[in-house]
Amino acid sequence: QRQGWWVYSETQERPTKRQLAEQDVLLQDGFDQIT
């Protein structure tokens, strides 16, 4: 069962969409922000 998750990076960088897709993870547009 898929659901939404917040992923926190150690820096301001994150994996690319392609890298996440290779992990079977879908990046949600509009929810990418600097804390």
PDB file of all heavy atoms in Angstrom:
ATOM      1  N   GLN A   1       0.839  -1.205   0.000  1.00  0.00           N
ATOM      2  CA  GLN A   1       0.000   0.000   0.000  1.00  0.00           C
ATOM      3  C   GLN A   1       0.872   1.252   0.000  1.00  0.00           C
ATOM      4  O   GLN A   1       1.684   1.471   0.908  1.00  0.00           O
ATOM      5  CB  GLN A   1      -0.923   0.007   1.220  1.00  0.00           C
ATOM      6  CG  GLN A   1      -2.089  -0.966   1.094  1.00  0.00           C
ATOM      7  CD  GLN A   1      -2.982  -0.922   2.310  1.00  0.00           C
ATOM      8  OE1 GLN A   1      -2.671  -1.513   3.331  1.00  0.00           O
ATOM      9  NE2 GLN A   1      -4.089  -0.210   2.211  1.00  0.00           N
ATOM     10  N   ARG A   2       0.703   2.072  -1.017  1.00  0.00           N
ATOM     11  CA  ARG A   2       1.472   3.304  -1.119  1.00  0.00           C
ATOM     12  C   ARG A   2       0.798   4.425  -0.335  1.00  0.00           C
ATOM     13  O   ARG A   2      -0.425   4.476  -0.234  1.00  0.00           O
ATOM     14  CB  ARG A   2       1.607   3.722  -2.587  1.00  0.00           C
ATOM     15  CG  ARG A   2       2.524   2.826  -3.389  1.00  0.00           C
ATOM     16  CD  ARG A   2       2.496   3.196  -4.845  1.00  0.00           C
ATOM     17  NE  ARG A   2       3.444   2.411  -5.606  1.00  0.00           N
ATOM     18  CZ  ARG A   2       4.628   2.847  -6.014  1.00  0.00           C
ATOM     19  NH1 ARG A   2       4.992   4.093  -5.746  1.00  0.00           N
ATOM     20  NH2 ARG A   2       5.441   2.085  -6.702  1.00  0.00           N
ATOM     21  N   GLN A   3       1.630   5.326   0.174  1.00  0.00           N
ATOM     22  CA  GLN A   3       1.121   6.511   0.840  1.00  0.00           C
ATOM     23  C   GLN A   3       2.159   7.613   0.708  1.00  0.00           C
ATOM     24  O   GLN A   3       3.249   7.418   0.172  1.00  0.00           O
ATOM     25  CB  GLN A   3       0.797   6.234   2.305  1.00  0.00           C
ATOM     26  CG  GLN A   3       2.014   5.926   3.147  1.00  0.00           C
ATOM     27  CD  GLN A   3       1.723   5.968   4.631  1.00  0.00           C
ATOM     28  OE1 GLN A   3       0.753   6.581   5.067  1.00  0.00           O
ATOM     29  NE2 GLN A   3       2.551   5.330   5.425  1.00  0.00           N
ATOM     30  N   GLY A   4       1.809   8.799   1.226  1.00  0.00           N
ATOM     31  CA  GLY A   4       2.724   9.928   1.137  1.00  0.00           C
ATOM     32  C   GLY A   4       3.724   9.928   2.276  1.00  0.00           C
ATOM     33  O   GLY A   4       3.395   9.597   3.420  1.00  0.00           O
ATOM     34  N   TRP A   5       4.975  10.330   1.963  1.00  0.00           N
ATOM     35  CA  TRP A   5       6.053  10.396   2.957  1.00  0.00           C
ATOM     36  C   TRP A   5       6.813  11.704   2.770  1.00  0.00           C
ATOM     37  O   TRP A   5       7.049  12.150   1.650  1.00  0.00           O
ATOM     38  CB  TRP A   5       7.033   9.238   2.803  1.00  0.00           C
ATOM     39  CG  TRP A   5       6.414   7.884   2.857  1.00  0.00           C
ATOM     40  CD1 TRP A   5       5.809   7.210   1.840  1.00  0.00           C
ATOM     41  CD2 TRP A   5       6.325   7.017   3.990  1.00  0.00           C
ATOM     42  NE1 TRP A   5       5.350   5.983   2.254  1.00  0.00           N
ATOM     43  CE2 TRP A   5       5.660   5.834   3.584  1.00  0.00           C
ATOM     44  CE3 TRP A   5       6.752   7.107   5.321  1.00  0.00           C
ATOM     45  CZ2 TRP A   5       5.408   4.780   4.439  1.00  0.00           C
ATOM     46  CZ3 TRP A   5       6.508   6.039   6.181  1.00  0.00           C
ATOM     47  CH2 TRP A   5       5.838   4.899   5.743  1.00  0.00           C
ATOM     48  N   TRP A   6       7.225  12.315   3.898  1.00  0.00           N
ATOM     49  CA  TRP A   6       8.166  13.422   3.861  1.00  0.00           C
ATOM     50  C   TRP A   6       9.571  12.851   3.961  1.00  0.00           C
ATOM     51  O   TRP A   6       9.870  12.071   4.867  1.00  0.00           O
ATOM     52  CB  TRP A   6       7.934  14.399   5.008  1.00  0.00           C
ATOM     53  CG  TRP A   6       6.835  15.392   4.813  1.00  0.00           C
ATOM     54  CD1 TRP A   6       5.716  15.533   5.584  1.00  0.00           C
ATOM     55  CD2 TRP A   6       6.758  16.410   3.814  1.00  0.00           C
ATOM     56  NE1 TRP A   6       4.934  16.565   5.116  1.00  0.00           N
ATOM     57  CE2 TRP A   6       5.559  17.136   4.022  1.00  0.00           C
ATOM     58  CE3 TRP A   6       7.582  16.788   2.743  1.00  0.00           C
ATOM     59  CZ2 TRP A   6       5.158  18.192   3.230  1.00  0.00           C
ATOM     60  CZ3 TRP A   6       7.178  17.850   1.947  1.00  0.00           C
ATOM     61  CH2 TRP A   6       5.996  18.537   2.189  1.00  0.00           C
ATOM     62  N   VAL A   7      10.419  13.244   3.032  1.00  0.00           N
ATOM     63  CA  VAL A   7      11.819  12.811   3.047  1.00  0.00           C
ATOM     64  C   VAL A   7      12.681  14.028   3.351  1.00  0.00           C
ATOM     65  O   VAL A   7      12.572  15.060   2.665  1.00  0.00           O
ATOM     66  CB  VAL A   7      12.229  12.187   1.697  1.00  0.00           C
ATOM     67  CG1 VAL A   7      13.671  11.690   1.764  1.00  0.00           C
ATOM     68  CG2 VAL A   7      11.285  11.050   1.324  1.00  0.00           C
ATOM     69  N   TYR A   8      13.536  13.933   4.379  1.00  0.00           N
ATOM     70  CA  TYR A   8      14.382  15.040   4.808  1.00  0.00           C
ATOM     71  C   TYR A   8      15.824  14.757   4.402  1.00  0.00           C
ATOM     72  O   TYR A   8      16.384  13.710   4.744  1.00  0.00           O
ATOM     73  CB  TYR A   8      14.295  15.233   6.324  1.00  0.00           C
ATOM     74  CG  TYR A   8      12.922  15.700   6.791  1.00  0.00           C
ATOM     75  CD1 TYR A   8      11.891  14.791   6.994  1.00  0.00           C
ATOM     76  CD2 TYR A   8      12.677  17.052   7.033  1.00  0.00           C
ATOM     77  CE1 TYR A   8      10.635  15.213   7.419  1.00  0.00           C
ATOM     78  CE2 TYR A   8      11.430  17.480   7.463  1.00  0.00           C
ATOM     79  CZ  TYR A   8      10.421  16.560   7.648  1.00  0.00           C
ATOM     80  OH  TYR A   8       9.185  16.985   8.059  1.00  0.00           O
ATOM     81  N   SER A   9      16.419  15.716   3.679  1.00  0.00           N
ATOM     82  CA  SER A   9      17.823  15.587   3.280  1.00  0.00           C
ATOM     83  C   SER A   9      18.729  16.202   4.342  1.00  0.00           C
ATOM     84  O   SER A   9      18.297  17.047   5.154  1.00  0.00           O
ATOM     85  CB  SER A   9      18.063  16.303   1.941  1.00  0.00           C
ATOM     86  OG  SER A   9      17.292  15.716   0.915  1.00  0.00           O
ATOM     87  N   GLU A  10      19.983  15.789   4.323  1.00  0.00           N
ATOM     88  CA  GLU A  10      20.947  16.357   5.257  1.00  0.00           C
ATOM     89  C   GLU A  10      21.424  17.725   4.794  1.00  0.00           C
ATOM     90  O   GLU A  10      21.933  18.526   5.588  1.00  0.00           O
ATOM     91  CB  GLU A  10      22.140  15.411   5.407  1.00  0.00           C
ATOM     92  CG  GLU A  10      21.767  14.083   6.047  1.00  0.00           C
ATOM     93  CD  GLU A  10      22.937  13.115   6.082  1.00  0.00           C
ATOM     94  OE1 GLU A  10      23.952  13.395   5.396  1.00  0.00           O
ATOM     95  OE2 GLU A  10      22.846  12.084   6.779  1.00  0.00           O
ATOM     96  N   THR A  11      21.264  17.993   3.495  1.00  0.00           N
ATOM     97  CA  THR A  11      21.664  19.282   2.920  1.00  0.00           C
ATOM     98  C   THR A  11      20.489  19.813   2.088  1.00  0.00           C
ATOM     99  O   THR A  11      19.352  19.371   2.254  1.00  0.00           O
ATOM    100  CB  THR A  11      22.911  19.115   2.031  1.00  0.00           C
ATOM    101  OG1 THR A  11      22.568  18.276   0.920  1.00  0.00           O
ATOM    102  CG2 THR A  11      24.063  18.485   2.830  1.00  0.00           C
ATOM    103  N   GLN A  12      20.791  20.736   1.169  1.00  0.00           N
ATOM    104  CA  GLN A  12      19.759  21.251   0.277  1.00  0.00           C
ATOM    105  C   GLN A  12      19.635  20.421  -1.000  1.00  0.00           C
ATOM    106  O   GLN A  12      18.879  20.794  -1.900  1.00  0.00           O
ATOM    107  CB  GLN A  12      20.059  22.717  -0.077  1.00  0.00           C
ATOM    108  CG  GLN A  12      19.919  23.667   1.103  1.00  0.00           C
ATOM    109  CD  GLN A  12      20.037  25.129   0.694  1.00  0.00           C
ATOM    110  OE1 GLN A  12      20.159  25.450  -0.490  1.00  0.00           O
ATOM    111  NE2 GLN A  12      19.988  26.032   1.670  1.00  0.00           N
ATOM    112  N   GLU A  13      20.338  19.322  -1.067  1.00  0.00           N
ATOM    113  CA  GLU A  13      20.284  18.466  -2.247  1.00  0.00           C
ATOM    114  C   GLU A  13      19.291  17.327  -2.027  1.00  0.00           C
ATOM    115  O   GLU A  13      18.969  16.961  -0.893  1.00  0.00           O
ATOM    116  CB  GLU A  13      21.676  17.897  -2.559  1.00  0.00           C
ATOM    117  CG  GLU A  13      22.742  18.953  -2.784  1.00  0.00           C
ATOM    118  CD  GLU A  13      22.446  19.803  -4.003  1.00  0.00           C
ATOM    119  OE1 GLU A  13      21.927  19.252  -5.008  1.00  0.00           O
ATOM    120  OE2 GLU A  13      22.704  21.023  -3.951  1.00  0.00           O
ATOM    121  N   ARG A  14      18.822  16.749  -3.127  1.00  0.00           N
ATOM    122  CA  ARG A  14      17.967  15.566  -3.078  1.00  0.00           C
ATOM    123  C   ARG A  14      18.231  14.717  -4.320  1.00  0.00           C
ATOM    124  O   ARG A  14      18.757  15.225  -5.330  1.00  0.00           O
ATOM    125  CB  ARG A  14      16.486  15.942  -3.015  1.00  0.00           C
ATOM    126  CG  ARG A  14      15.965  16.635  -4.260  1.00  0.00           C
ATOM    127  CD  ARG A  14      14.454  16.529  -4.354  1.00  0.00           C
ATOM    128  NE  ARG A  14      13.917  17.338  -5.446  1.00  0.00           N
ATOM    129  CZ  ARG A  14      13.928  16.982  -6.721  1.00  0.00           C
ATOM    130  NH1 ARG A  14      14.486  15.828  -7.086  1.00  0.00           N
ATOM    131  NH2 ARG A  14      13.410  17.767  -7.664  1.00  0.00           N
ATOM    132  N   PRO A  15      17.853  13.417  -4.273  1.00  0.00           N
ATOM    133  CA  PRO A  15      17.993  12.591  -5.480  1.00  0.00           C
ATOM    134  C   PRO A  15      17.121  13.136  -6.608  1.00  0.00           C
ATOM    135  O   PRO A  15      16.091  13.781  -6.362  1.00  0.00           O
ATOM    136  CB  PRO A  15      17.515  11.210  -5.031  1.00  0.00           C
ATOM    137  CG  PRO A  15      17.642  11.222  -3.541  1.00  0.00           C
ATOM    138  CD  PRO A  15      17.400  12.641  -3.122  1.00  0.00           C
ATOM    139  N   THR A  16      17.514  12.877  -7.830  1.00  0.00           N
ATOM    140  CA  THR A  16      16.727  13.321  -8.975  1.00  0.00           C
ATOM    141  C   THR A  16      15.477  12.460  -9.116  1.00  0.00           C
ATOM    142  O   THR A  16      15.357  11.394  -8.495  1.00  0.00           O
ATOM    143  CB  THR A  16      17.550  13.233 -10.266  1.00  0.00           C
ATOM    144  OG1 THR A  16      17.864  11.850 -10.520  1.00  0.00           O
ATOM    145  CG2 THR A  16      18.842  14.039 -10.142  1.00  0.00           C
ATOM    146  N   LYS A  17      14.537  12.936  -9.937  1.00  0.00           N
ATOM    147  CA  LYS A  17      13.331  12.149 -10.202  1.00  0.00           C
ATOM    148  C   LYS A  17      13.680  10.768 -10.736  1.00  0.00           C
ATOM    149  O   LYS A  17      13.063   9.767 -10.376  1.00  0.00           O
ATOM    150  CB  LYS A  17      12.436  12.877 -11.210  1.00  0.00           C
ATOM    151  CG  LYS A  17      11.495  13.893 -10.612  1.00  0.00           C
ATOM    152  CD  LYS A  17      10.510  14.393 -11.668  1.00  0.00           C
ATOM    153  CE  LYS A  17       9.474  15.317 -11.062  1.00  0.00           C
ATOM    154  NZ  LYS A  17       8.474  15.758 -12.061  1.00  0.00           N
ATOM    155  N   ARG A  18      14.662  10.731 -11.620  1.00  0.00           N
ATOM    156  CA  ARG A  18      15.046   9.458 -12.225  1.00  0.00           C
ATOM    157  C   ARG A  18      15.623   8.507 -11.190  1.00  0.00           C
ATOM    158  O   ARG A  18      15.297   7.316 -11.172  1.00  0.00           O
ATOM    159  CB  ARG A  18      16.068   9.706 -13.333  1.00  0.00           C
ATOM    160  CG  ARG A  18      16.474   8.445 -14.080  1.00  0.00           C
ATOM    161  CD  ARG A  18      17.325   8.798 -15.283  1.00  0.00           C
ATOM    162  NE  ARG A  18      17.696   7.593 -16.022  1.00  0.00           N
ATOM    163  CZ  ARG A  18      18.391   7.593 -17.146  1.00  0.00           C
ATOM    164  NH1 ARG A  18      18.780   8.747 -17.682  1.00  0.00           N
ATOM    165  NH2 ARG A  18      18.686   6.464 -17.747  1.00  0.00           N
ATOM    166  N   GLN A  19      16.466   9.028 -10.296  1.00  0.00           N
ATOM    167  CA  GLN A  19      17.033   8.176  -9.249  1.00  0.00           C
ATOM    168  C   GLN A  19      15.949   7.639  -8.322  1.00  0.00           C
ATOM    169  O   GLN A  19      15.986   6.479  -7.904  1.00  0.00           O
ATOM    170  CB  GLN A  19      18.071   8.971  -8.451  1.00  0.00           C
ATOM    171  CG  GLN A  19      19.343   9.293  -9.229  1.00  0.00           C
ATOM    172  CD  GLN A  19      20.262  10.234  -8.474  1.00  0.00           C
ATOM    173  OE1 GLN A  19      19.799  11.146  -7.769  1.00  0.00           O
ATOM    174  NE2 GLN A  19      21.573  10.033  -8.622  1.00  0.00           N
ATOM    175  N   LEU A  20      14.959   8.483  -7.986  1.00  0.00           N
ATOM    176  CA  LEU A  20      13.861   8.027  -7.137  1.00  0.00           C
ATOM    177  C   LEU A  20      13.007   6.994  -7.865  1.00  0.00           C
ATOM    178  O   LEU A  20      12.560   6.008  -7.265  1.00  0.00           O
ATOM    179  CB  LEU A  20      13.013   9.220  -6.709  1.00  0.00           C
ATOM    180  CG  LEU A  20      13.679  10.206  -5.740  1.00  0.00           C
ATOM    181  CD1 LEU A  20      12.826  11.455  -5.577  1.00  0.00           C
ATOM    182  CD2 LEU A  20      13.927   9.541  -4.391  1.00  0.00           C
ATOM    183  N   ALA A  21      12.742   7.225  -9.174  1.00  0.00           N
ATOM    184  CA  ALA A  21      11.947   6.264  -9.944  1.00  0.00           C
ATOM    185  C   ALA A  21      12.623   4.910  -9.993  1.00  0.00           C
ATOM    186  O   ALA A  21      11.956   3.869  -9.994  1.00  0.00           O
ATOM    187  CB  ALA A  21      11.715   6.805 -11.350  1.00  0.00           C
ATOM    188  N   GLU A  22      13.963   4.891 -10.037  1.00  0.00           N
ATOM    189  CA  GLU A  22      14.681   3.616 -10.031  1.00  0.00           C
ATOM    190  C   GLU A  22      14.491   2.870  -8.717  1.00  0.00           C
ATOM    191  O   GLU A  22      14.614   1.651  -8.664  1.00  0.00           O
ATOM    192  CB  GLU A  22      16.170   3.870 -10.284  1.00  0.00           C
ATOM    193  CG  GLU A  22      16.481   4.323 -11.708  1.00  0.00           C
ATOM    194  CD  GLU A  22      17.930   4.713 -11.893  1.00  0.00           C
ATOM    195  OE1 GLU A  22      18.664   4.778 -10.869  1.00  0.00           O
ATOM    196  OE2 GLU A  22      18.338   4.949 -13.048  1.00  0.00           O
ATOM    197  N   GLN A  23      14.182   3.608  -7.639  1.00  0.00           N
ATOM    198  CA  GLN A  23      13.879   3.000  -6.336  1.00  0.00           C
ATOM    199  C   GLN A  23      12.388   2.713  -6.179  1.00  0.00           C
ATOM    200  O   GLN A  23      11.938   2.351  -5.089  1.00  0.00           O
ATOM    201  CB  GLN A  23      14.340   3.937  -5.222  1.00  0.00           C
ATOM    202  CG  GLN A  23      15.818   4.252  -5.222  1.00  0.00           C
ATOM    203  CD  GLN A  23      16.658   3.073  -4.798  1.00  0.00           C
ATOM    204  OE1 GLN A  23      16.234   2.256  -3.983  1.00  0.00           O
ATOM    205  NE2 GLN A  23      17.860   2.972  -5.359  1.00  0.00           N
ATOM    206  N   ASP A  24      11.592   2.888  -7.260  1.00  0.00           N
ATOM    207  CA  ASP A  24      10.140   2.712  -7.244  1.00  0.00           C
ATOM    208  C   ASP A  24       9.474   3.726  -6.317  1.00  0.00           C
ATOM    209  O   ASP A  24       8.545   3.415  -5.573  1.00  0.00           O
ATOM    210  CB  ASP A  24       9.767   1.283  -6.821  1.00  0.00           C
ATOM    211  CG  ASP A  24       8.336   0.928  -7.201  1.00  0.00           C
ATOM    212  OD1 ASP A  24       7.790   1.579  -8.122  1.00  0.00           O
ATOM    213  OD2 ASP A  24       7.750   0.021  -6.580  1.00  0.00           O
ATOM    214  N   VAL A  25       9.968   4.967  -6.376  1.00  0.00           N
ATOM    215  CA  VAL A  25       9.445   6.069  -5.567  1.00  0.00           C
ATOM    216  C   VAL A  25       9.012   7.176  -6.517  1.00  0.00           C
ATOM    217  O   VAL A  25       9.735   7.529  -7.447  1.00  0.00           O
ATOM    218  CB  VAL A  25      10.514   6.591  -4.586  1.00  0.00           C
ATOM    219  CG1 VAL A  25      10.008   7.826  -3.852  1.00  0.00           C
ATOM    220  CG2 VAL A  25      10.884   5.505  -3.589  1.00  0.00           C
ATOM    221  N   LEU A  26       7.823   7.736  -6.278  1.00  0.00           N
ATOM    222  CA  LEU A  26       7.295   8.798  -7.128  1.00  0.00           C
ATOM    223  C   LEU A  26       7.411  10.138  -6.410  1.00  0.00           C
ATOM    224  O   LEU A  26       6.855  10.323  -5.329  1.00  0.00           O
ATOM    225  CB  LEU A  26       5.825   8.522  -7.473  1.00  0.00           C
ATOM    226  CG  LEU A  26       5.119   9.567  -8.334  1.00  0.00           C
ATOM    227  CD1 LEU A  26       5.756   9.665  -9.714  1.00  0.00           C
ATOM    228  CD2 LEU A  26       3.636   9.243  -8.452  1.00  0.00           C
ATOM    229  N   LEU A  27       8.147  11.083  -7.006  1.00  0.00           N
ATOM    230  CA  LEU A  27       8.292  12.410  -6.430  1.00  0.00           C
ATOM    231  C   LEU A  27       7.039  13.229  -6.709  1.00  0.00           C
ATOM    232  O   LEU A  27       6.560  13.292  -7.837  1.00  0.00           O
ATOM    233  CB  LEU A  27       9.516  13.105  -7.034  1.00  0.00           C
ATOM    234  CG  LEU A  27       9.781  14.537  -6.564  1.00  0.00           C
ATOM    235  CD1 LEU A  27      10.158  14.554  -5.090  1.00  0.00           C
ATOM    236  CD2 LEU A  27      10.870  15.183  -7.408  1.00  0.00           C
ATOM    237  N   GLN A  28       6.499  13.865  -5.674  1.00  0.00           N
ATOM    238  CA  GLN A  28       5.303  14.684  -5.804  1.00  0.00           C
ATOM    239  C   GLN A  28       5.696  16.141  -6.080  1.00  0.00           C
ATOM    240  O   GLN A  28       6.366  16.784  -5.260  1.00  0.00           O
ATOM    241  CB  GLN A  28       4.465  14.615  -4.528  1.00  0.00           C
ATOM    242  CG  GLN A  28       3.817  13.260  -4.287  1.00  0.00           C
ATOM    243  CD  GLN A  28       2.736  12.966  -5.302  1.00  0.00           C
ATOM    244  OE1 GLN A  28       1.817  13.748  -5.492  1.00  0.00           O
ATOM    245  NE2 GLN A  28       2.837  11.832  -5.955  1.00  0.00           N
ATOM    246  N   ASP A  29       5.279  16.644  -7.223  1.00  0.00           N
ATOM    247  CA  ASP A  29       5.580  18.031  -7.576  1.00  0.00           C
ATOM    248  C   ASP A  29       4.821  18.988  -6.656  1.00  0.00           C
ATOM    249  O   ASP A  29       3.701  18.715  -6.222  1.00  0.00           O
ATOM    250  CB  ASP A  29       5.195  18.309  -9.029  1.00  0.00           C
ATOM    251  CG  ASP A  29       6.038  17.506 -10.009  1.00  0.00           C
ATOM    252  OD1 ASP A  29       7.232  17.276  -9.700  1.00  0.00           O
ATOM    253  OD2 ASP A  29       5.514  17.113 -11.073  1.00  0.00           O
ATOM    254  N   GLY A  30       5.452  20.120  -6.362  1.00  0.00           N
ATOM    255  CA  GLY A  30       4.805  21.136  -5.536  1.00  0.00           C
ATOM    256  C   GLY A  30       5.036  20.959  -4.051  1.00  0.00           C
ATOM    257  O   GLY A  30       4.531  21.759  -3.251  1.00  0.00           O
ATOM    258  N   PHE A  31       5.766  19.911  -3.640  1.00  0.00           N
ATOM    259  CA  PHE A  31       6.026  19.669  -2.212  1.00  0.00           C
ATOM    260  C   PHE A  31       7.539  19.531  -1.984  1.00  0.00           C
ATOM    261  O   PHE A  31       7.986  18.663  -1.248  1.00  0.00           O
ATOM    262  CB  PHE A  31       5.304  18.410  -1.727  1.00  0.00           C
ATOM    263  CG  PHE A  31       3.812  18.495  -1.799  1.00  0.00           C
ATOM    264  CD1 PHE A  31       3.145  18.048  -2.924  1.00  0.00           C
ATOM    265  CD2 PHE A  31       3.081  19.033  -0.754  1.00  0.00           C
ATOM    266  CE1 PHE A  31       1.761  18.120  -3.002  1.00  0.00           C
ATOM    267  CE2 PHE A  31       1.704  19.116  -0.827  1.00  0.00           C
ATOM    268  CZ  PHE A  31       1.037  18.663  -1.952  1.00  0.00           C
ATOM    269  N   ASP A  32       8.291  20.382  -2.618  1.00  0.00           N
ATOM    270  CA  ASP A  32       9.748  20.363  -2.514  1.00  0.00           C
ATOM    271  C   ASP A  32      10.176  21.715  -1.976  1.00  0.00           C
ATOM    272  O   ASP A  32       9.988  22.747  -2.628  1.00  0.00           O
ATOM    273  CB  ASP A  32      10.349  20.098  -3.906  1.00  0.00           C
ATOM    274  CG  ASP A  32      11.834  19.798  -3.839  1.00  0.00           C
ATOM    275  OD1 ASP A  32      12.442  20.014  -2.772  1.00  0.00           O
ATOM    276  OD2 ASP A  32      12.393  19.358  -4.862  1.00  0.00           O
ATOM    277  N   GLN A  33      10.740  21.747  -0.758  1.00  0.00           N
ATOM    278  CA  GLN A  33      10.978  23.029  -0.116  1.00  0.00           C
ATOM    279  C   GLN A  33      12.236  22.997   0.747  1.00  0.00           C
ATOM    280  O   GLN A  33      12.687  21.924   1.189  1.00  0.00           O
ATOM    281  CB  GLN A  33       9.769  23.424   0.733  1.00  0.00           C
ATOM    282  CG  GLN A  33       9.364  22.354   1.720  1.00  0.00           C
ATOM    283  CD  GLN A  33       7.949  22.517   2.234  1.00  0.00           C
ATOM    284  OE1 GLN A  33       7.748  22.533   3.438  1.00  0.00           O
ATOM    285  NE2 GLN A  33       6.965  22.624   1.329  1.00  0.00           N
ATOM    286  N   ILE A  34      12.774  24.161   0.985  1.00  0.00           N
ATOM    287  CA  ILE A  34      13.907  24.326   1.901  1.00  0.00           C
ATOM    288  C   ILE A  34      13.343  24.601   3.291  1.00  0.00           C
ATOM    289  O   ILE A  34      12.487  25.481   3.474  1.00  0.00           O
ATOM    290  CB  ILE A  34      14.830  25.473   1.453  1.00  0.00           C
ATOM    291  CG1 ILE A  34      15.324  25.225   0.022  1.00  0.00           C
ATOM    292  CG2 ILE A  34      16.017  25.599   2.412  1.00  0.00           C
ATOM    293  CD1 ILE A  34      16.111  23.960  -0.161  1.00  0.00           C
ATOM    294  N   THR A  35      13.805  23.873   4.294  1.00  0.00           N
ATOM    295  CA  THR A  35      13.296  24.006   5.662  1.00  0.00           C
ATOM    296  C   THR A  35      13.998  25.164   6.374  1.00  0.00           C
ATOM    297  O   THR A  35      15.047  25.651   5.926  1.00  0.00           O
ATOM    298  CB  THR A  35      13.522  22.696   6.442  1.00  0.00           C
ATOM    299  OG1 THR A  35      14.926  22.425   6.493  1.00  0.00           O
ATOM    300  CG2 THR A  35      12.811  21.539   5.748  1.00  0.00           C
TER     301      THR A  35
END
